[in-house]
Amino acid sequence: MRTEDIHYLMAAIHEGSMSKAAEQQYISQQNITNAIKRLESELGLKLLQRSNKGIQLTEHGKMLQPYLNQILMSVGEINAYAENQQHAEQYMASLSILSMSGLSKTLAAFFKEMALQRPYVKISIVEEKQLYDPHYIKDLLLVESPDV
């Protein structure tokens, strides 16, 4: 099953006509028609009722529409995730902050939310006592590769 065929079917449903869907998708009406016929053939079900007044979903089409929409949404999410991962390396950043008493809990909540939204940003809160620990400094410089 080609997601492109599903996309064209949904466009036709949205527009209410094959010709309007073709215009909206910048392809020929024949390509829209072929995509929908291919999908109907693969499923072995008639999805659209065509008439001179436009198109309407058949009962099978109405039953399958939510599932077909879900397929398109899932494919969109997969593509967005893959694109984000491909570009994540470009945006890698490291942020170290010297903890100030009283702000640690507030900062921790903020950075927890930020880490969920921007997983490519590495955040670490440095406690003052760590600044005097030679092992911590060595690890920070050799392993962490901080941005300077």
Protein backbone atom coordinates (compact mmCIF):
# COMPACT_ATOMS: atom_id res chain seq x y z
CA MET A 1 0.00 0.00 0.00
CA ARG A 2 1.47 3.31 -1.06
CA THR A 3 1.02 6.22 1.33
CA GLU A 4 0.93 8.52 -1.68
CA ASP A 5 -2.24 6.75 -2.86
CA ILE A 6 -3.83 7.25 0.55
CA HIS A 7 -2.79 10.91 0.49
CA TYR A 8 -4.46 11.41 -2.90
CA LEU A 9 -7.62 9.66 -1.72
CA MET A 10 -7.81 11.96 1.31
CA ALA A 11 -7.25 15.00 -0.91
CA ALA A 12 -10.09 13.90 -3.19
CA ILE A 13 -12.38 13.39 -0.19
CA HIS A 14 -11.42 16.78 1.24
CA GLU A 15 -11.97 18.58 -2.06
CA GLY A 16 -15.08 16.60 -2.98
CA SER A 17 -13.83 16.15 -6.53
CA MET A 18 -11.03 14.42 -8.38
CA SER A 19 -10.27 17.46 -10.54
CA LYS A 20 -10.04 19.82 -7.55
CA ALA A 21 -7.83 17.33 -5.72
CA ALA A 22 -5.57 17.06 -8.75
CA GLU A 23 -5.31 20.83 -8.93
CA GLN A 24 -4.56 21.09 -5.23
CA GLN A 25 -1.89 18.35 -5.48
CA TYR A 26 -0.38 19.75 -8.71
CA ILE A 27 -0.84 16.48 -10.59
CA SER A 28 -3.15 15.32 -13.35
CA GLN A 29 -6.65 14.11 -12.63
CA GLN A 30 -5.67 10.81 -14.24
CA ASN A 31 -2.92 10.34 -11.62
CA ILE A 32 -5.40 10.91 -8.79
CA THR A 33 -7.86 8.49 -10.40
CA ASN A 34 -5.15 5.86 -10.92
CA ALA A 35 -3.93 6.17 -7.33
CA ILE A 36 -7.43 5.68 -5.95
CA LYS A 37 -8.15 2.76 -8.29
CA ARG A 38 -4.84 1.16 -7.26
CA LEU A 39 -5.79 1.51 -3.59
CA GLU A 40 -9.29 0.13 -4.18
CA SER A 41 -7.85 -2.77 -6.16
CA GLU A 42 -5.31 -3.60 -3.48
CA LEU A 43 -7.96 -3.53 -0.75
CA GLY A 44 -10.55 -5.27 -2.91
CA LEU A 45 -13.08 -2.66 -1.80
CA LYS A 46 -14.76 0.27 -3.52
CA LEU A 47 -13.96 3.37 -1.45
CA LEU A 48 -15.53 6.14 -3.52
CA GLN A 49 -18.82 6.59 -5.29
CA ARG A 50 -18.26 8.78 -8.33
CA SER A 51 -21.01 10.83 -9.96
CA ASN A 52 -21.40 14.00 -12.00
CA LYS A 53 -22.06 15.80 -8.68
CA GLY A 54 -18.67 14.82 -7.31
CA ILE A 55 -17.47 11.98 -5.11
CA GLN A 56 -18.70 10.44 -1.90
CA LEU A 57 -17.29 7.79 0.36
CA THR A 58 -18.88 4.37 0.19
CA GLU A 59 -19.67 2.59 3.44
CA HIS A 60 -16.29 0.85 3.19
CA GLY A 61 -14.63 4.20 2.64
CA LYS A 62 -16.36 5.68 5.69
CA MET A 63 -15.26 2.73 7.83
CA LEU A 64 -11.64 2.90 6.63
CA GLN A 65 -11.22 6.69 6.60
CA PRO A 66 -10.09 6.99 10.26
CA TYR A 67 -7.53 4.21 9.76
CA LEU A 68 -6.21 5.74 6.55
CA ASN A 69 -5.90 9.12 8.29
CA GLN A 70 -4.01 7.44 11.12
CA ILE A 71 -1.59 5.88 8.62
CA LEU A 72 -0.86 9.29 7.12
CA MET A 73 -0.41 10.86 10.55
CA SER A 74 1.92 8.06 11.65
CA VAL A 75 4.01 8.32 8.50
CA GLY A 76 4.24 12.08 9.05
CA GLU A 77 5.42 11.55 12.62
CA ILE A 78 7.99 8.96 11.52
CA ASN A 79 9.33 11.32 8.85
CA ALA A 80 9.48 14.23 11.31
CA TYR A 81 11.34 12.09 13.86
CA ALA A 82 13.82 10.86 11.24
CA GLU A 83 14.44 14.39 9.99
CA ASN A 84 14.98 15.67 13.53
CA GLN A 85 17.45 12.86 14.21
CA GLN A 86 19.33 13.51 10.97
CA HIS A 87 19.76 17.16 11.90
CA ALA A 88 20.26 16.70 15.64
CA GLU A 89 24.03 16.40 15.31
CA GLN A 90 24.11 19.83 13.68
CA TYR A 91 22.52 21.34 16.77
CA MET A 92 24.34 19.46 19.50
CA ALA A 93 25.10 21.77 22.37
CA SER A 94 26.30 21.41 25.90
CA LEU A 95 25.29 23.67 28.75
CA SER A 96 26.87 23.60 32.20
CA ILE A 97 25.59 25.86 34.93
CA LEU A 98 27.11 26.67 38.27
CA SER A 99 24.39 25.89 40.76
CA MET A 100 23.30 28.70 43.03
CA SER A 101 21.62 27.83 46.29
CA GLY A 102 17.88 28.12 46.12
CA LEU A 103 17.72 27.99 42.32
CA SER A 104 18.63 24.33 41.87
CA LYS A 105 15.06 23.00 42.18
CA THR A 106 13.64 25.68 39.89
CA LEU A 107 16.37 25.14 37.31
CA ALA A 108 16.00 21.36 37.53
CA ALA A 109 12.29 21.54 36.65
CA PHE A 110 12.98 23.93 33.78
CA PHE A 111 15.82 21.83 32.39
CA LYS A 112 13.83 18.62 32.70
CA GLU A 113 11.14 20.09 30.44
CA MET A 114 13.76 21.53 28.09
CA ALA A 115 15.46 18.13 27.80
CA LEU A 116 12.18 16.54 26.74
CA GLN A 117 11.59 19.17 24.07
CA ARG A 118 15.21 19.42 22.88
CA PRO A 119 16.97 16.08 23.44
CA TYR A 120 20.00 17.22 21.43
CA VAL A 121 20.96 19.76 24.12
CA LYS A 122 23.01 18.24 26.92
CA ILE A 123 22.47 19.99 30.23
CA SER A 124 24.41 19.56 33.43
CA ILE A 125 24.20 21.52 36.65
CA VAL A 126 27.58 21.86 38.32
CA GLU A 127 27.63 22.13 42.08
CA GLU A 128 30.19 24.52 43.54
CA LYS A 129 32.04 21.73 45.38
CA GLN A 130 32.57 19.92 42.05
CA LEU A 131 34.61 22.85 40.75
CA TYR A 132 37.36 21.99 43.24
CA ASP A 133 37.39 18.25 42.46
CA PRO A 134 40.31 17.52 40.07
CA HIS A 135 38.66 14.24 38.90
CA TYR A 136 35.49 16.10 37.95
CA ILE A 137 37.45 18.75 36.03
CA LYS A 138 39.45 16.04 34.22
CA ASP A 139 36.27 14.15 33.24
CA LEU A 140 34.60 17.37 32.17
CA LEU A 141 37.46 18.30 29.89
CA LEU A 142 38.27 14.84 28.50
CA VAL A 143 34.90 13.08 28.37
CA GLU A 144 32.25 15.79 28.27
CA SER A 145 33.94 18.07 25.72
CA PRO A 146 32.25 21.22 27.00
CA ASP A 147 31.48 24.14 24.74
CA VAL A 148 33.67 27.06 25.67
